[in-house]
């Protein structure tokens, strides 16, 4: 098992090194840095505010659902990060220079990707037309994490899977509450 993890780590580092070359082109680097910064939370706060503004007070439950799920997501990924303590790619390879600072110490899982997937799936569940805007944003945010040397591909995959699971669980939970209360 350990040998498999070592091979996987080597493969992932090669992927990080290859994708980090996208930083060499200024426009590409600027796009990925912007996507990463939007994924810091700005996009999700703006999304929730936009839902309230354009859908009115009746959408307060949707926003509360998103905020509560986001809080649970933050707690879960923080616990996982502290227990796994996986160092970031740029710490393992000094040639990888992140174009933006990491928001926390550890790499696994990607909190940016977790939140991007989770918030997007919840918003799309209530307002399907948002998929046109949110799906490309999720792809850019998730890929920015590897391109910028902040995460390994498996960090991003795990973050996406966790975000998907949390969104689905919370949707089922809300449906259950609505049925019985």
C-alpha atoms as a PDB file:
ATOM      1  CA  UNK A   1       0.000   0.000   0.000  1.00  0.00           C
ATOM      2  CA  UNK A   2       2.779   2.436   0.948  1.00  0.00           C
ATOM      3  CA  UNK A   3       4.512   1.771  -2.377  1.00  0.00           C
ATOM      4  CA  UNK A   4       1.306   2.607  -4.236  1.00  0.00           C
ATOM      5  CA  UNK A   5       0.981   5.901  -2.351  1.00  0.00           C
ATOM      6  CA  UNK A   6       4.586   6.814  -3.152  1.00  0.00           C
ATOM      7  CA  UNK A   7       3.969   6.127  -6.871  1.00  0.00           C
ATOM      8  CA  UNK A   8       0.771   8.138  -6.766  1.00  0.00           C
ATOM      9  CA  UNK A   9       2.616  11.023  -5.090  1.00  0.00           C
ATOM     10  CA  UNK A  10       5.267  10.995  -7.836  1.00  0.00           C
ATOM     11  CA  UNK A  11       2.609  10.975 -10.564  1.00  0.00           C
ATOM     12  CA  UNK A  12       0.763  13.814  -8.893  1.00  0.00           C
ATOM     13  CA  UNK A  13       3.930  15.878  -8.582  1.00  0.00           C
ATOM     14  CA  UNK A  14       4.567  15.435 -12.316  1.00  0.00           C
ATOM     15  CA  UNK A  15       0.997  16.642 -12.964  1.00  0.00           C
ATOM     16  CA  UNK A  16       1.546  19.656 -10.683  1.00  0.00           C
ATOM     17  CA  UNK A  17       4.802  20.521 -12.447  1.00  0.00           C
ATOM     18  CA  UNK A  18       3.223  20.250 -15.897  1.00  0.00           C
ATOM     19  CA  UNK A  19       0.128  22.255 -15.007  1.00  0.00           C
ATOM     20  CA  UNK A  20       2.144  24.912 -13.194  1.00  0.00           C
ATOM     21  CA  UNK A  21       3.638  25.833 -16.579  1.00  0.00           C
ATOM     22  CA  UNK A  22       0.335  27.563 -17.297  1.00  0.00           C
ATOM     23  CA  UNK A  23       1.531  30.248 -14.869  1.00  0.00           C
ATOM     24  CA  UNK A  24       4.233  31.250 -17.365  1.00  0.00           C
ATOM     25  CA  UNK A  25       1.642  32.903 -19.608  1.00  0.00           C
ATOM     26  CA  UNK A  26       0.532  36.084 -17.889  1.00  0.00           C
ATOM     27  CA  UNK A  27      -3.104  35.957 -19.036  1.00  0.00           C
ATOM     28  CA  UNK A  28      -3.399  32.331 -17.960  1.00  0.00           C
ATOM     29  CA  UNK A  29      -1.812  33.054 -14.567  1.00  0.00           C
ATOM     30  CA  UNK A  30      -4.095  36.061 -14.052  1.00  0.00           C
ATOM     31  CA  UNK A  31      -7.194  34.001 -14.862  1.00  0.00           C
ATOM     32  CA  UNK A  32      -6.238  31.228 -12.437  1.00  0.00           C
ATOM     33  CA  UNK A  33      -5.304  33.700  -9.685  1.00  0.00           C
ATOM     34  CA  UNK A  34      -8.647  35.481 -10.156  1.00  0.00           C
ATOM     35  CA  UNK A  35     -10.509  32.160 -10.042  1.00  0.00           C
ATOM     36  CA  UNK A  36      -8.650  31.180  -6.889  1.00  0.00           C
ATOM     37  CA  UNK A  37      -9.445  34.491  -5.210  1.00  0.00           C
ATOM     38  CA  UNK A  38     -13.112  34.234  -6.157  1.00  0.00           C
ATOM     39  CA  UNK A  39     -13.067  30.782  -4.573  1.00  0.00           C
ATOM     40  CA  UNK A  40     -11.739  32.320  -1.326  1.00  0.00           C
ATOM     41  CA  UNK A  41     -15.403  32.992  -0.540  1.00  0.00           C
ATOM     42  CA  UNK A  42     -16.167  36.159  -2.486  1.00  0.00           C
ATOM     43  CA  UNK A  43     -18.092  34.337  -5.206  1.00  0.00           C
ATOM     44  CA  UNK A  44     -20.206  32.379  -2.727  1.00  0.00           C
ATOM     45  CA  UNK A  45     -21.096  35.431  -0.616  1.00  0.00           C
ATOM     46  CA  UNK A  46     -21.968  37.328  -3.802  1.00  0.00           C
ATOM     47  CA  UNK A  47     -24.034  34.378  -5.031  1.00  0.00           C
ATOM     48  CA  UNK A  48     -26.044  34.247  -1.807  1.00  0.00           C
ATOM     49  CA  UNK A  49     -26.504  38.035  -1.795  1.00  0.00           C
ATOM     50  CA  UNK A  50     -27.554  37.926  -5.460  1.00  0.00           C
ATOM     51  CA  UNK A  51     -30.109  35.229  -4.737  1.00  0.00           C
ATOM     52  CA  UNK A  52     -31.605  37.377  -1.970  1.00  0.00           C
ATOM     53  CA  UNK A  53     -31.576  40.502  -4.129  1.00  0.00           C
ATOM     54  CA  UNK A  54     -33.035  38.948  -7.284  1.00  0.00           C
ATOM     55  CA  UNK A  55     -35.325  36.339  -5.728  1.00  0.00           C
ATOM     56  CA  UNK A  56     -36.456  38.367  -2.734  1.00  0.00           C
ATOM     57  CA  UNK A  57     -37.139  37.490   0.880  1.00  0.00           C
ATOM     58  CA  UNK A  58     -38.775  34.206  -0.141  1.00  0.00           C
ATOM     59  CA  UNK A  59     -35.291  32.900  -0.990  1.00  0.00           C
ATOM     60  CA  UNK A  60     -33.972  33.395   2.560  1.00  0.00           C
ATOM     61  CA  UNK A  61     -34.436  29.667   3.234  1.00  0.00           C
ATOM     62  CA  UNK A  62     -32.262  28.798   0.242  1.00  0.00           C
ATOM     63  CA  UNK A  63     -29.525  31.141   1.425  1.00  0.00           C
ATOM     64  CA  UNK A  64     -29.769  29.785   4.983  1.00  0.00           C
ATOM     65  CA  UNK A  65     -29.493  26.250   3.572  1.00  0.00           C
ATOM     66  CA  UNK A  66     -26.379  27.209   1.618  1.00  0.00           C
ATOM     67  CA  UNK A  67     -24.800  29.012   4.573  1.00  0.00           C
ATOM     68  CA  UNK A  68     -25.476  26.157   7.012  1.00  0.00           C
ATOM     69  CA  UNK A  69     -24.086  23.582   4.587  1.00  0.00           C
ATOM     70  CA  UNK A  70     -21.052  25.801   3.989  1.00  0.00           C
ATOM     71  CA  UNK A  71     -20.418  25.978   7.727  1.00  0.00           C
ATOM     72  CA  UNK A  72     -20.624  22.182   8.066  1.00  0.00           C
ATOM     73  CA  UNK A  73     -18.301  21.830   5.046  1.00  0.00           C
ATOM     74  CA  UNK A  74     -15.755  24.154   6.670  1.00  0.00           C
ATOM     75  CA  UNK A  75     -15.812  22.188   9.915  1.00  0.00           C
ATOM     76  CA  UNK A  76     -15.414  18.844   8.143  1.00  0.00           C
ATOM     77  CA  UNK A  77     -12.601  19.848   5.805  1.00  0.00           C
ATOM     78  CA  UNK A  78     -10.759  21.590   8.663  1.00  0.00           C
ATOM     79  CA  UNK A  79     -10.866  18.389  10.718  1.00  0.00           C
ATOM     80  CA  UNK A  80      -9.659  16.313   7.775  1.00  0.00           C
ATOM     81  CA  UNK A  81      -6.817  18.749   7.011  1.00  0.00           C
ATOM     82  CA  UNK A  82      -5.635  18.695  10.615  1.00  0.00           C
ATOM     83  CA  UNK A  83      -5.714  14.910  10.740  1.00  0.00           C
ATOM     84  CA  UNK A  84      -4.007  14.230   7.385  1.00  0.00           C
ATOM     85  CA  UNK A  85      -1.469  17.110   7.501  1.00  0.00           C
ATOM     86  CA  UNK A  86      -0.533  16.723   3.852  1.00  0.00           C
ATOM     87  CA  UNK A  87       1.986  19.343   2.805  1.00  0.00           C
ATOM     88  CA  UNK A  88       1.284  21.437  -0.256  1.00  0.00           C
ATOM     89  CA  UNK A  89       3.045  20.702  -3.583  1.00  0.00           C
ATOM     90  CA  UNK A  90       5.109  23.890  -3.485  1.00  0.00           C
ATOM     91  CA  UNK A  91       6.514  22.755  -0.132  1.00  0.00           C
ATOM     92  CA  UNK A  92       7.675  19.483  -1.699  1.00  0.00           C
ATOM     93  CA  UNK A  93       9.126  21.063  -4.844  1.00  0.00           C
ATOM     94  CA  UNK A  94      10.806  24.480  -4.573  1.00  0.00           C
ATOM     95  CA  UNK A  95      10.413  24.968  -8.340  1.00  0.00           C
ATOM     96  CA  UNK A  96       6.665  25.261  -7.834  1.00  0.00           C
ATOM     97  CA  UNK A  97       6.025  28.864  -6.879  1.00  0.00           C
ATOM     98  CA  UNK A  98       2.413  29.659  -6.046  1.00  0.00           C
ATOM     99  CA  UNK A  99       1.124  32.861  -7.620  1.00  0.00           C
ATOM    100  CA  UNK A 100      -1.195  33.364  -4.648  1.00  0.00           C
ATOM    101  CA  UNK A 101      -0.792  32.433  -0.982  1.00  0.00           C
ATOM    102  CA  UNK A 102      -2.497  29.431   0.593  1.00  0.00           C
ATOM    103  CA  UNK A 103      -5.231  30.289   3.074  1.00  0.00           C
ATOM    104  CA  UNK A 104      -4.268  27.526   5.474  1.00  0.00           C
ATOM    105  CA  UNK A 105      -1.428  25.145   6.241  1.00  0.00           C
ATOM    106  CA  UNK A 106      -2.359  21.806   4.714  1.00  0.00           C
ATOM    107  CA  UNK A 107      -3.332  20.536   1.310  1.00  0.00           C
ATOM    108  CA  UNK A 108      -5.810  17.649   1.676  1.00  0.00           C
ATOM    109  CA  UNK A 109      -8.644  18.144   0.779  1.00  0.00           C
ATOM    110  CA  UNK A 110      -9.079  21.298  -1.294  1.00  0.00           C
ATOM    111  CA  UNK A 111     -11.461  23.545   0.601  1.00  0.00           C
ATOM    112  CA  UNK A 112     -11.856  25.818  -2.420  1.00  0.00           C
ATOM    113  CA  UNK A 113     -13.040  22.904  -4.545  1.00  0.00           C
ATOM    114  CA  UNK A 114     -15.230  21.502  -1.771  1.00  0.00           C
ATOM    115  CA  UNK A 115     -17.049  24.819  -1.378  1.00  0.00           C
ATOM    116  CA  UNK A 116     -17.228  25.480  -5.121  1.00  0.00           C
ATOM    117  CA  UNK A 117     -18.895  22.134  -5.780  1.00  0.00           C
ATOM    118  CA  UNK A 118     -21.117  22.267  -2.703  1.00  0.00           C
ATOM    119  CA  UNK A 119     -22.428  25.819  -3.164  1.00  0.00           C
ATOM    120  CA  UNK A 120     -22.851  25.372  -6.899  1.00  0.00           C
ATOM    121  CA  UNK A 121     -24.820  22.145  -6.584  1.00  0.00           C
ATOM    122  CA  UNK A 122     -27.089  23.699  -3.967  1.00  0.00           C
ATOM    123  CA  UNK A 123     -27.667  26.853  -6.023  1.00  0.00           C
ATOM    124  CA  UNK A 124     -28.311  24.819  -9.168  1.00  0.00           C
ATOM    125  CA  UNK A 125     -30.769  22.558  -7.303  1.00  0.00           C
ATOM    126  CA  UNK A 126     -32.901  25.614  -6.563  1.00  0.00           C
ATOM    127  CA  UNK A 127     -32.110  27.670  -9.679  1.00  0.00           C
ATOM    128  CA  UNK A 128     -31.054  25.368 -12.564  1.00  0.00           C
ATOM    129  CA  UNK A 129     -30.300  28.259 -14.926  1.00  0.00           C
ATOM    130  CA  UNK A 130     -27.300  29.159 -12.736  1.00  0.00           C
ATOM    131  CA  UNK A 131     -25.511  26.045 -14.030  1.00  0.00           C
ATOM    132  CA  UNK A 132     -24.495  27.997 -17.133  1.00  0.00           C
ATOM    133  CA  UNK A 133     -22.384  30.294 -14.945  1.00  0.00           C
ATOM    134  CA  UNK A 134     -21.469  28.111 -12.009  1.00  0.00           C
ATOM    135  CA  UNK A 135     -20.149  24.997 -13.786  1.00  0.00           C
ATOM    136  CA  UNK A 136     -17.373  26.929 -15.602  1.00  0.00           C
ATOM    137  CA  UNK A 137     -16.567  28.752 -12.338  1.00  0.00           C
ATOM    138  CA  UNK A 138     -16.209  25.442 -10.484  1.00  0.00           C
ATOM    139  CA  UNK A 139     -13.928  24.057 -13.182  1.00  0.00           C
ATOM    140  CA  UNK A 140     -11.721  27.166 -13.094  1.00  0.00           C
ATOM    141  CA  UNK A 141     -11.556  27.270  -9.293  1.00  0.00           C
ATOM    142  CA  UNK A 142     -10.753  23.561  -8.998  1.00  0.00           C
ATOM    143  CA  UNK A 143      -8.115  23.612 -11.725  1.00  0.00           C
ATOM    144  CA  UNK A 144      -6.562  26.802 -10.327  1.00  0.00           C
ATOM    145  CA  UNK A 145      -5.637  24.940  -7.159  1.00  0.00           C
ATOM    146  CA  UNK A 146      -3.314  22.563  -9.056  1.00  0.00           C
ATOM    147  CA  UNK A 147      -2.066  25.112 -11.606  1.00  0.00           C
ATOM    148  CA  UNK A 148      -1.047  27.473  -8.797  1.00  0.00           C
ATOM    149  CA  UNK A 149       0.884  24.735  -6.969  1.00  0.00           C
ATOM    150  CA  UNK A 150      -1.422  24.824  -3.954  1.00  0.00           C
ATOM    151  CA  UNK A 151      -2.932  21.336  -4.264  1.00  0.00           C
ATOM    152  CA  UNK A 152      -2.321  17.908  -5.693  1.00  0.00           C
ATOM    153  CA  UNK A 153      -4.936  16.514  -8.102  1.00  0.00           C
ATOM    154  CA  UNK A 154      -6.211  14.077  -5.440  1.00  0.00           C
ATOM    155  CA  UNK A 155      -6.775  17.017  -3.055  1.00  0.00           C
ATOM    156  CA  UNK A 156      -9.033  18.583  -5.665  1.00  0.00           C
ATOM    157  CA  UNK A 157     -10.809  15.302  -6.453  1.00  0.00           C
ATOM    158  CA  UNK A 158     -11.403  14.643  -2.744  1.00  0.00           C
ATOM    159  CA  UNK A 159     -12.656  18.191  -2.224  1.00  0.00           C
ATOM    160  CA  UNK A 160     -15.046  17.827  -5.152  1.00  0.00           C
ATOM    161  CA  UNK A 161     -16.367  14.483  -3.916  1.00  0.00           C
ATOM    162  CA  UNK A 162     -16.840  15.825  -0.389  1.00  0.00           C
ATOM    163  CA  UNK A 163     -18.589  18.926  -1.704  1.00  0.00           C
ATOM    164  CA  UNK A 164     -20.903  16.790  -3.823  1.00  0.00           C
ATOM    165  CA  UNK A 165     -21.689  14.465  -0.916  1.00  0.00           C
ATOM    166  CA  UNK A 166     -22.377  17.338   1.483  1.00  0.00           C
ATOM    167  CA  UNK A 167     -24.647  19.094  -1.010  1.00  0.00           C
ATOM    168  CA  UNK A 168     -26.606  15.904  -1.674  1.00  0.00           C
ATOM    169  CA  UNK A 169     -26.909  15.023   2.007  1.00  0.00           C
ATOM    170  CA  UNK A 170     -28.093  18.523   2.861  1.00  0.00           C
ATOM    171  CA  UNK A 171     -30.667  18.469   0.049  1.00  0.00           C
ATOM    172  CA  UNK A 172     -32.046  15.159   1.326  1.00  0.00           C
ATOM    173  CA  UNK A 173     -32.046  16.526   4.878  1.00  0.00           C
ATOM    174  CA  UNK A 174     -33.996  19.653   3.847  1.00  0.00           C
ATOM    175  CA  UNK A 175     -36.447  17.523   1.870  1.00  0.00           C
ATOM    176  CA  UNK A 176     -36.924  15.271   4.903  1.00  0.00           C
ATOM    177  CA  UNK A 177     -37.537  18.280   7.164  1.00  0.00           C
ATOM    178  CA  UNK A 178     -40.076  19.696   4.728  1.00  0.00           C
ATOM    179  CA  UNK A 179     -41.925  16.381   4.565  1.00  0.00           C
ATOM    180  CA  UNK A 180     -42.174  15.846   8.318  1.00  0.00           C
ATOM    181  CA  UNK A 181     -42.329  19.340   9.786  1.00  0.00           C
END
